[in-house]
Structures are given as structure tokens and as C-alpha cells.
Amino acid sequence: MIQKKICLLGAFAVGKTSLVARFVKSIYSDKYLTTVGVKVDKKVVNIDDNEISMIVWDLAGEDEFQSVQMSYLRGSSGFLLVADGTRRNTLETARILHQRTIDSVGSIPFIFLINKADLADEWEVDDGAISEFENSGWSIIKTSARTGMGVEEAFLQLARQMSLKQ
């Protein structure tokens, strides 16, 4: 079995922990729980007849008071970068975290998730902003931890990208 470490990065309260819970345990809770440091989960997936054990590191969110510990990224095979569609400022945090990740561990597979698609009528992120990231070559998936939309697809797409980079 192949083991791959992946990290979830993003601003605080973008839904990283909820995305992990939806992917690993197929559950969702409205309760907001702040991640302190890192929380590790695991799920085995099948990609092209290969079993991949995804070790999922849910890192504490970044804000003006706390920075993501880049040392947590060591050994990562890929990462999911998460923004909140209802908070435009989380896009800039994602851009900064992306650059810091590249500086820390080099260029590894990643997917940019714009979460809270179930709240699309409250979004501050428009198609123009999303196009800027797409034009930079970023793979983008709109997700909803609440409904499950795009969640499995995002993790499996990242697993597929990582298995190609063995």
C-alpha cells in the first residue's frame, strides 16, 4: 500500500476540518471547532487499482495572529488549499500560503478548494477572481462540506495527481 501525506491549508474558519470530516467520516457538524496545531486523520482510497493510504493533516488556520507552521508540511506529497467563498479576503491568504508552501517544500501537487458552495448566494468571490487563479494554472474545485459537493472529487483528484508523481 502506498502512503501519502497531504495537508489542508487556508485561513481560519474556511472549513478545513469540516472538509476532512466529510471526506474521512462522511459527517458534517455546524459546530465550529478551532484546530490547535494539527489534527491527523487517515483514509484509504483506490486510484487506478492502487490502494493509497491518505494521511490527512488538518493544519490550524492562518490569521493576523497566527501563522501556519510550515514545518508541518515536511514530507507532504500534496496539499489542498482552502478558501471560503463567502469571504473574499481568504483568497489572498490562500495566495500567500501557496507561495510559502512552495518556498518550504517545493512544487508539489495541490488543488485549490473554494468552500461553502452551499452558500453561493452569500459569496463575495466572483467568477473574475476565480479566473485569475485558473489563469495561473491552479486546479480549482468548488466544495461544500455541508452537502458533500466536490469533497470526494477533490481528495481523489489530489490522490491521482500524487500517484502520477511517484
N, C-alpha and C. Protein backbone atom coordinates (compact mmCIF):
# COMPACT_ATOMS: atom_id res chain seq x y z
N MET A 1 0.85 -1.18 0.00
CA MET A 1 0.00 0.00 0.00
C MET A 1 0.89 1.24 0.00
N ILE A 2 0.50 2.20 -0.78
CA ILE A 2 1.22 3.46 -0.87
C ILE A 2 0.67 4.43 0.17
N GLN A 3 1.56 5.09 0.92
CA GLN A 3 1.12 6.11 1.88
C GLN A 3 1.48 7.49 1.35
N LYS A 4 0.54 8.41 1.44
CA LYS A 4 0.76 9.78 1.01
C LYS A 4 0.28 10.73 2.09
N LYS A 5 1.14 11.64 2.49
CA LYS A 5 0.77 12.68 3.44
C LYS A 5 0.27 13.89 2.67
N ILE A 6 -0.92 14.36 3.05
CA ILE A 6 -1.43 15.59 2.46
C ILE A 6 -1.79 16.55 3.58
N CYS A 7 -1.72 17.84 3.29
CA CYS A 7 -2.06 18.86 4.27
C CYS A 7 -3.19 19.72 3.74
N LEU A 8 -4.04 20.20 4.65
CA LEU A 8 -5.05 21.18 4.31
C LEU A 8 -4.60 22.51 4.88
N LEU A 9 -4.54 23.52 4.02
CA LEU A 9 -4.08 24.85 4.40
C LEU A 9 -5.15 25.87 4.04
N GLY A 10 -5.20 26.94 4.81
CA GLY A 10 -6.12 28.03 4.50
C GLY A 10 -6.27 28.94 5.69
N ALA A 11 -7.03 29.99 5.50
CA ALA A 11 -7.32 30.94 6.57
C ALA A 11 -8.15 30.23 7.64
N PHE A 12 -8.30 30.88 8.79
CA PHE A 12 -9.14 30.30 9.84
C PHE A 12 -10.60 30.27 9.36
N ALA A 13 -11.32 29.26 9.79
CA ALA A 13 -12.77 29.13 9.57
C ALA A 13 -13.20 29.05 8.10
N VAL A 14 -12.32 28.51 7.24
CA VAL A 14 -12.73 28.32 5.85
C VAL A 14 -13.41 26.96 5.64
N GLY A 15 -13.29 26.07 6.65
CA GLY A 15 -13.96 24.78 6.57
C GLY A 15 -13.02 23.59 6.38
N LYS A 16 -11.74 23.76 6.69
CA LYS A 16 -10.78 22.66 6.51
C LYS A 16 -11.17 21.43 7.33
N THR A 17 -11.45 21.61 8.60
CA THR A 17 -11.80 20.49 9.48
C THR A 17 -13.10 19.84 9.01
N SER A 18 -14.06 20.63 8.58
CA SER A 18 -15.33 20.09 8.08
C SER A 18 -15.12 19.30 6.79
N LEU A 19 -14.23 19.75 5.92
CA LEU A 19 -13.93 19.02 4.69
C LEU A 19 -13.30 17.66 5.02
N VAL A 20 -12.38 17.65 5.98
CA VAL A 20 -11.74 16.39 6.38
C VAL A 20 -12.79 15.44 6.97
N ALA A 21 -13.65 15.95 7.86
CA ALA A 21 -14.69 15.12 8.47
C ALA A 21 -15.63 14.54 7.41
N ARG A 22 -15.98 15.36 6.43
CA ARG A 22 -16.86 14.90 5.35
C ARG A 22 -16.17 13.80 4.53
N PHE A 23 -14.88 13.98 4.23
CA PHE A 23 -14.14 13.01 3.42
C PHE A 23 -13.88 11.72 4.19
N VAL A 24 -13.37 11.82 5.40
CA VAL A 24 -12.94 10.64 6.16
C VAL A 24 -14.11 9.90 6.79
N LYS A 25 -15.08 10.65 7.37
CA LYS A 25 -16.14 10.00 8.14
C LYS A 25 -17.54 10.21 7.56
N SER A 26 -17.63 10.95 6.45
CA SER A 26 -18.93 11.26 5.82
C SER A 26 -19.89 11.95 6.78
N ILE A 27 -19.34 12.84 7.62
CA ILE A 27 -20.19 13.58 8.56
C ILE A 27 -19.97 15.08 8.40
N TYR A 28 -20.92 15.84 8.92
CA TYR A 28 -20.81 17.30 8.94
C TYR A 28 -21.45 17.79 10.24
N SER A 29 -20.83 18.79 10.84
CA SER A 29 -21.39 19.42 12.03
C SER A 29 -21.32 20.92 11.88
N ASP A 30 -22.38 21.61 12.33
CA ASP A 30 -22.39 23.07 12.30
C ASP A 30 -21.53 23.69 13.40
N LYS A 31 -21.12 22.87 14.37
CA LYS A 31 -20.31 23.39 15.48
C LYS A 31 -18.95 23.78 14.98
N TYR A 32 -18.53 24.99 15.32
CA TYR A 32 -17.20 25.45 14.92
C TYR A 32 -16.19 25.07 15.99
N LEU A 33 -15.20 24.29 15.58
CA LEU A 33 -14.13 23.89 16.48
C LEU A 33 -12.81 24.39 15.91
N THR A 34 -12.13 25.23 16.65
CA THR A 34 -10.84 25.73 16.20
C THR A 34 -9.80 24.62 16.29
N THR A 35 -9.06 24.42 15.22
CA THR A 35 -7.97 23.45 15.24
C THR A 35 -6.77 24.10 15.90
N VAL A 36 -6.21 23.42 16.88
CA VAL A 36 -5.00 23.90 17.54
C VAL A 36 -3.85 23.05 17.03
N GLY A 37 -2.89 23.66 16.36
CA GLY A 37 -1.76 22.91 15.82
C GLY A 37 -2.16 22.11 14.60
N VAL A 38 -2.27 20.80 14.77
CA VAL A 38 -2.61 19.92 13.65
C VAL A 38 -3.45 18.75 14.16
N LYS A 39 -4.37 18.30 13.30
CA LYS A 39 -5.16 17.10 13.59
C LYS A 39 -4.93 16.15 12.41
N VAL A 40 -4.62 14.90 12.72
CA VAL A 40 -4.29 13.93 11.68
C VAL A 40 -5.38 12.86 11.57
N ASP A 41 -5.81 12.60 10.34
CA ASP A 41 -6.78 11.54 10.04
C ASP A 41 -6.22 10.70 8.90
N LYS A 42 -6.90 9.59 8.62
CA LYS A 42 -6.42 8.68 7.58
C LYS A 42 -7.60 8.07 6.85
N LYS A 43 -7.45 7.92 5.54
CA LYS A 43 -8.45 7.21 4.75
C LYS A 43 -7.75 6.52 3.58
N VAL A 44 -8.16 5.28 3.32
CA VAL A 44 -7.61 4.53 2.19
C VAL A 44 -8.53 4.71 0.99
N VAL A 45 -7.93 5.04 -0.16
CA VAL A 45 -8.69 5.21 -1.40
C VAL A 45 -8.05 4.33 -2.47
N ASN A 46 -8.81 4.01 -3.49
CA ASN A 46 -8.29 3.25 -4.62
C ASN A 46 -8.18 4.15 -5.84
N ILE A 47 -6.98 4.23 -6.38
CA ILE A 47 -6.74 5.02 -7.59
C ILE A 47 -6.06 4.10 -8.60
N ASP A 48 -6.72 3.86 -9.72
CA ASP A 48 -6.16 3.02 -10.78
C ASP A 48 -5.63 1.69 -10.24
N ASP A 49 -6.45 1.01 -9.47
CA ASP A 49 -6.12 -0.29 -8.88
C ASP A 49 -4.99 -0.25 -7.86
N ASN A 50 -4.63 0.93 -7.38
CA ASN A 50 -3.64 1.06 -6.32
C ASN A 50 -4.33 1.56 -5.05
N GLU A 51 -4.03 0.91 -3.93
CA GLU A 51 -4.54 1.40 -2.65
C GLU A 51 -3.60 2.47 -2.14
N ILE A 52 -4.17 3.63 -1.85
CA ILE A 52 -3.38 4.74 -1.32
C ILE A 52 -3.94 5.10 0.04
N SER A 53 -3.07 5.05 1.03
CA SER A 53 -3.45 5.46 2.38
C SER A 53 -3.13 6.95 2.48
N MET A 54 -4.18 7.75 2.53
CA MET A 54 -4.00 9.21 2.62
C MET A 54 -3.95 9.60 4.09
N ILE A 55 -2.81 10.11 4.50
CA ILE A 55 -2.63 10.62 5.85
C ILE A 55 -2.92 12.12 5.75
N VAL A 56 -4.04 12.53 6.30
CA VAL A 56 -4.56 13.89 6.12
C VAL A 56 -4.23 14.75 7.34
N TRP A 57 -3.42 15.76 7.13
CA TRP A 57 -3.03 16.70 8.18
C TRP A 57 -3.87 17.97 8.04
N ASP A 58 -4.74 18.20 9.00
CA ASP A 58 -5.59 19.39 9.05
C ASP A 58 -4.86 20.42 9.90
N LEU A 59 -4.28 21.42 9.24
CA LEU A 59 -3.47 22.41 9.94
C LEU A 59 -4.32 23.57 10.44
N ALA A 60 -3.93 24.11 11.58
CA ALA A 60 -4.63 25.27 12.14
C ALA A 60 -4.64 26.39 11.10
N GLY A 61 -5.73 27.14 11.08
CA GLY A 61 -5.89 28.21 10.10
C GLY A 61 -4.97 29.39 10.35
N GLU A 62 -4.76 30.12 9.29
CA GLU A 62 -3.91 31.31 9.33
C GLU A 62 -4.79 32.54 9.53
N ASP A 63 -4.35 33.45 10.39
CA ASP A 63 -5.00 34.74 10.53
C ASP A 63 -3.95 35.76 10.94
N GLU A 64 -4.39 36.95 11.31
CA GLU A 64 -3.42 38.00 11.64
C GLU A 64 -2.65 37.72 12.92
N PHE A 65 -3.11 36.77 13.72
CA PHE A 65 -2.46 36.46 14.99
C PHE A 65 -1.63 35.18 14.95
N GLN A 66 -1.91 34.31 14.00
CA GLN A 66 -1.25 33.00 13.96
C GLN A 66 -0.89 32.62 12.54
N SER A 67 0.36 32.16 12.35
CA SER A 67 0.81 31.69 11.06
C SER A 67 0.84 30.16 11.04
N VAL A 68 0.59 29.60 9.87
CA VAL A 68 0.69 28.16 9.70
C VAL A 68 2.15 27.75 9.91
N GLN A 69 2.35 26.68 10.67
CA GLN A 69 3.70 26.16 10.91
C GLN A 69 4.14 25.39 9.66
N MET A 70 5.04 25.99 8.90
CA MET A 70 5.49 25.37 7.66
C MET A 70 6.22 24.04 7.91
N SER A 71 6.75 23.84 9.11
CA SER A 71 7.44 22.57 9.42
C SER A 71 6.47 21.39 9.32
N TYR A 72 5.16 21.62 9.51
CA TYR A 72 4.17 20.55 9.39
C TYR A 72 4.09 20.00 7.96
N LEU A 73 4.56 20.78 7.00
CA LEU A 73 4.47 20.37 5.60
C LEU A 73 5.55 19.39 5.17
N ARG A 74 6.60 19.23 5.98
CA ARG A 74 7.69 18.31 5.60
C ARG A 74 7.14 16.92 5.33
N GLY A 75 7.57 16.36 4.23
CA GLY A 75 7.15 15.01 3.87
C GLY A 75 5.81 14.94 3.15
N SER A 76 5.21 16.08 2.88
CA SER A 76 3.91 16.09 2.19
C SER A 76 4.09 15.73 0.71
N SER A 77 3.13 14.97 0.21
CA SER A 77 3.11 14.63 -1.20
C SER A 77 2.19 15.58 -1.98
N GLY A 78 1.35 16.31 -1.25
CA GLY A 78 0.42 17.23 -1.88
C GLY A 78 -0.36 17.98 -0.83
N PHE A 79 -1.15 18.96 -1.27
CA PHE A 79 -1.96 19.72 -0.33
C PHE A 79 -3.21 20.26 -0.98
N LEU A 80 -4.20 20.48 -0.12
CA LEU A 80 -5.43 21.16 -0.52
C LEU A 80 -5.40 22.54 0.10
N LEU A 81 -5.53 23.53 -0.72
CA LEU A 81 -5.53 24.92 -0.29
C LEU A 81 -6.99 25.37 -0.28
N VAL A 82 -7.47 25.83 0.88
CA VAL A 82 -8.91 26.09 1.03
C VAL A 82 -9.18 27.58 1.27
N ALA A 83 -10.16 28.10 0.53
CA ALA A 83 -10.66 29.46 0.75
C ALA A 83 -12.17 29.36 0.99
N ASP A 84 -12.73 30.42 1.53
CA ASP A 84 -14.15 30.50 1.84
C ASP A 84 -14.81 31.44 0.83
N GLY A 85 -15.72 30.90 0.03
CA GLY A 85 -16.38 31.71 -0.99
C GLY A 85 -17.13 32.91 -0.44
N THR A 86 -17.50 32.86 0.86
CA THR A 86 -18.25 33.97 1.45
C THR A 86 -17.33 35.05 2.02
N ARG A 87 -16.00 34.82 1.97
CA ARG A 87 -15.03 35.79 2.49
C ARG A 87 -13.91 35.99 1.49
N ARG A 88 -14.00 37.05 0.70
CA ARG A 88 -13.03 37.30 -0.37
C ARG A 88 -11.59 37.38 0.15
N ASN A 89 -11.39 37.89 1.36
CA ASN A 89 -10.03 38.06 1.88
C ASN A 89 -9.31 36.71 2.06
N THR A 90 -10.05 35.60 2.10
CA THR A 90 -9.40 34.30 2.25
C THR A 90 -8.65 33.90 0.97
N LEU A 91 -8.98 34.54 -0.16
CA LEU A 91 -8.25 34.28 -1.40
C LEU A 91 -6.81 34.76 -1.28
N GLU A 92 -6.61 35.92 -0.69
CA GLU A 92 -5.26 36.45 -0.53
C GLU A 92 -4.45 35.59 0.45
N THR A 93 -5.10 35.13 1.52
CA THR A 93 -4.42 34.22 2.44
C THR A 93 -3.99 32.97 1.70
N ALA A 94 -4.86 32.44 0.84
CA ALA A 94 -4.52 31.24 0.06
C ALA A 94 -3.32 31.50 -0.86
N ARG A 95 -3.30 32.66 -1.49
CA ARG A 95 -2.19 33.00 -2.40
C ARG A 95 -0.87 33.05 -1.62
N ILE A 96 -0.90 33.65 -0.43
CA ILE A 96 0.29 33.76 0.41
C ILE A 96 0.74 32.38 0.88
N LEU A 97 -0.22 31.56 1.34
CA LEU A 97 0.11 30.20 1.81
C LEU A 97 0.67 29.33 0.68
N HIS A 98 0.15 29.51 -0.51
CA HIS A 98 0.66 28.77 -1.66
C HIS A 98 2.14 29.09 -1.88
N GLN A 99 2.48 30.36 -1.87
CA GLN A 99 3.87 30.76 -2.09
C GLN A 99 4.77 30.26 -0.95
N ARG A 100 4.30 30.38 0.28
CA ARG A 100 5.09 29.91 1.42
C ARG A 100 5.29 28.40 1.37
N THR A 101 4.30 27.67 0.88
CA THR A 101 4.42 26.22 0.76
C THR A 101 5.47 25.87 -0.28
N ILE A 102 5.43 26.52 -1.42
CA ILE A 102 6.43 26.28 -2.47
C ILE A 102 7.83 26.60 -1.93
N ASP A 103 7.95 27.71 -1.21
CA ASP A 103 9.25 28.08 -0.64
C ASP A 103 9.73 27.04 0.37
N SER A 104 8.80 26.41 1.07
CA SER A 104 9.13 25.46 2.13
C SER A 104 9.41 24.05 1.62
N VAL A 105 8.56 23.52 0.73
CA VAL A 105 8.69 22.12 0.31
C VAL A 105 8.83 21.94 -1.20
N GLY A 106 8.90 23.02 -1.93
CA GLY A 106 9.00 22.92 -3.38
C GLY A 106 7.63 22.77 -4.03
N SER A 107 7.66 22.48 -5.30
CA SER A 107 6.42 22.37 -6.08
C SER A 107 5.87 20.95 -5.96
N ILE A 108 4.77 20.80 -5.24
CA ILE A 108 4.10 19.52 -5.09
C ILE A 108 2.65 19.69 -5.54
N PRO A 109 1.98 18.59 -5.90
CA PRO A 109 0.60 18.72 -6.36
C PRO A 109 -0.31 19.39 -5.32
N PHE A 110 -1.22 20.21 -5.82
CA PHE A 110 -2.21 20.84 -4.94
C PHE A 110 -3.46 21.14 -5.73
N ILE A 111 -4.54 21.29 -5.00
CA ILE A 111 -5.81 21.72 -5.58
C ILE A 111 -6.35 22.84 -4.71
N PHE A 112 -6.89 23.85 -5.34
CA PHE A 112 -7.47 24.99 -4.65
C PHE A 112 -8.97 24.75 -4.51
N LEU A 113 -9.43 24.69 -3.26
CA LEU A 113 -10.85 24.48 -2.99
C LEU A 113 -11.49 25.79 -2.55
N ILE A 114 -12.58 26.13 -3.18
CA ILE A 114 -13.36 27.27 -2.72
C ILE A 114 -14.59 26.67 -2.07
N ASN A 115 -14.59 26.74 -0.75
CA ASN A 115 -15.58 26.03 0.06
C ASN A 115 -16.82 26.89 0.32
N LYS A 116 -17.82 26.24 0.81
CA LYS A 116 -19.12 26.82 1.17
C LYS A 116 -19.98 27.13 -0.06
N ALA A 117 -19.91 26.21 -1.04
CA ALA A 117 -20.71 26.36 -2.26
C ALA A 117 -22.20 26.34 -1.97
N ASP A 118 -22.59 25.74 -0.83
CA ASP A 118 -24.00 25.71 -0.46
C ASP A 118 -24.51 27.11 -0.08
N LEU A 119 -23.59 28.05 0.13
CA LEU A 119 -23.96 29.43 0.47
C LEU A 119 -23.67 30.37 -0.70
N ALA A 120 -23.80 29.88 -1.93
CA ALA A 120 -23.41 30.63 -3.13
C ALA A 120 -24.05 32.01 -3.21
N ASP A 121 -25.26 32.17 -2.69
CA ASP A 121 -25.92 33.49 -2.74
C ASP A 121 -25.27 34.49 -1.79
N GLU A 122 -24.39 34.02 -0.90
CA GLU A 122 -23.67 34.91 0.02
C GLU A 122 -22.20 35.11 -0.38
N TRP A 123 -21.82 34.56 -1.52
CA TRP A 123 -20.42 34.60 -1.93
C TRP A 123 -19.94 36.02 -2.23
N GLU A 124 -18.72 36.30 -1.78
CA GLU A 124 -18.01 37.53 -2.14
C GLU A 124 -17.01 37.26 -3.25
N VAL A 125 -16.79 35.99 -3.55
CA VAL A 125 -15.85 35.59 -4.59
C VAL A 125 -16.62 35.44 -5.90
N ASP A 126 -16.19 36.16 -6.93
CA ASP A 126 -16.89 36.10 -8.21
C ASP A 126 -16.07 35.32 -9.24
N ASP A 127 -16.67 35.10 -10.39
CA ASP A 127 -16.01 34.32 -11.45
C ASP A 127 -14.72 34.97 -11.92
N GLY A 128 -14.66 36.30 -11.90
CA GLY A 128 -13.43 37.00 -12.30
C GLY A 128 -12.26 36.67 -11.40
N ALA A 129 -12.52 36.64 -10.10
CA ALA A 129 -11.46 36.29 -9.14
C ALA A 129 -11.02 34.85 -9.33
N ILE A 130 -11.97 33.96 -9.57
CA ILE A 130 -11.64 32.56 -9.78
C ILE A 130 -10.82 32.39 -11.05
N SER A 131 -11.17 33.14 -12.10
CA SER A 131 -10.44 33.07 -13.37
C SER A 131 -8.98 33.45 -13.21
N GLU A 132 -8.69 34.41 -12.34
CA GLU A 132 -7.29 34.79 -12.10
C GLU A 132 -6.47 33.60 -11.64
N PHE A 133 -7.03 32.79 -10.75
CA PHE A 133 -6.32 31.62 -10.25
C PHE A 133 -6.22 30.55 -11.34
N GLU A 134 -7.30 30.35 -12.09
CA GLU A 134 -7.27 29.38 -13.19
C GLU A 134 -6.23 29.77 -14.23
N ASN A 135 -6.12 31.07 -14.51
CA ASN A 135 -5.13 31.55 -15.48
C ASN A 135 -3.70 31.35 -15.00
N SER A 136 -3.53 31.19 -13.69
CA SER A 136 -2.21 30.89 -13.13
C SER A 136 -1.93 29.39 -13.13
N GLY A 137 -2.86 28.60 -13.66
CA GLY A 137 -2.66 27.16 -13.77
C GLY A 137 -3.16 26.36 -12.58
N TRP A 138 -3.90 27.01 -11.68
CA TRP A 138 -4.40 26.31 -10.48
C TRP A 138 -5.62 25.46 -10.85
N SER A 139 -5.67 24.23 -10.32
CA SER A 139 -6.87 23.41 -10.41
C SER A 139 -7.80 23.87 -9.30
N ILE A 140 -9.05 24.16 -9.65
CA ILE A 140 -10.00 24.71 -8.67
C ILE A 140 -11.25 23.84 -8.64
N ILE A 141 -11.68 23.54 -7.42
CA ILE A 141 -12.94 22.81 -7.23
C ILE A 141 -13.77 23.57 -6.20
N LYS A 142 -15.03 23.83 -6.55
CA LYS A 142 -15.95 24.42 -5.58
C LYS A 142 -16.50 23.28 -4.72
N THR A 143 -16.45 23.47 -3.40
CA THR A 143 -16.86 22.41 -2.48
C THR A 143 -17.87 22.91 -1.47
N SER A 144 -18.54 21.96 -0.85
CA SER A 144 -19.40 22.23 0.29
C SER A 144 -19.24 21.07 1.27
N ALA A 145 -18.64 21.36 2.41
CA ALA A 145 -18.52 20.32 3.44
C ALA A 145 -19.91 19.94 3.94
N ARG A 146 -20.83 20.89 3.95
CA ARG A 146 -22.19 20.63 4.44
C ARG A 146 -22.91 19.61 3.57
N THR A 147 -22.91 19.81 2.25
CA THR A 147 -23.64 18.91 1.36
C THR A 147 -22.77 17.78 0.81
N GLY A 148 -21.46 17.94 0.90
CA GLY A 148 -20.54 16.96 0.34
C GLY A 148 -20.13 17.26 -1.09
N MET A 149 -20.71 18.29 -1.69
CA MET A 149 -20.41 18.64 -3.08
C MET A 149 -18.91 18.85 -3.29
N GLY A 150 -18.34 18.10 -4.23
CA GLY A 150 -16.95 18.28 -4.64
C GLY A 150 -15.89 17.76 -3.68
N VAL A 151 -16.29 17.30 -2.50
CA VAL A 151 -15.31 16.92 -1.47
C VAL A 151 -14.55 15.66 -1.88
N GLU A 152 -15.27 14.59 -2.15
CA GLU A 152 -14.63 13.33 -2.56
C GLU A 152 -13.81 13.56 -3.82
N GLU A 153 -14.39 14.28 -4.78
CA GLU A 153 -13.71 14.59 -6.04
C GLU A 153 -12.37 15.28 -5.79
N ALA A 154 -12.35 16.23 -4.86
CA ALA A 154 -11.12 16.99 -4.59
C ALA A 154 -10.02 16.08 -4.04
N PHE A 155 -10.35 15.29 -3.03
CA PHE A 155 -9.35 14.40 -2.44
C PHE A 155 -8.87 13.36 -3.44
N LEU A 156 -9.78 12.79 -4.23
CA LEU A 156 -9.41 11.77 -5.20
C LEU A 156 -8.58 12.36 -6.34
N GLN A 157 -8.91 13.56 -6.76
CA GLN A 157 -8.13 14.22 -7.81
C GLN A 157 -6.71 14.48 -7.32
N LEU A 158 -6.57 14.91 -6.05
CA LEU A 158 -5.24 15.13 -5.49
C LEU A 158 -4.49 13.80 -5.40
N ALA A 159 -5.16 12.73 -4.96
CA ALA A 159 -4.53 11.41 -4.88
C ALA A 159 -4.04 10.96 -6.25
N ARG A 160 -4.84 11.21 -7.27
CA ARG A 160 -4.46 10.85 -8.64
C ARG A 160 -3.22 11.63 -9.07
N GLN A 161 -3.19 12.93 -8.80
CA GLN A 161 -2.02 13.76 -9.15
C GLN A 161 -0.77 13.27 -8.43
N MET A 162 -0.92 12.92 -7.14
CA MET A 162 0.23 12.46 -6.37
C MET A 162 0.72 11.10 -6.88
N SER A 163 -0.19 10.21 -7.28
CA SER A 163 0.23 8.89 -7.74
C SER A 163 0.98 9.00 -9.07
N LEU A 164 0.70 10.02 -9.84
CA LEU A 164 1.43 10.24 -11.10
C LEU A 164 2.85 10.74 -10.83
N LYS A 165 3.08 11.35 -9.67
CA LYS A 165 4.38 11.94 -9.33
C LYS A 165 5.26 11.00 -8.50
N GLN A 166 4.96 9.71 -8.48
CA GLN A 166 5.74 8.78 -7.64
C GLN A 166 7.18 8.73 -8.06
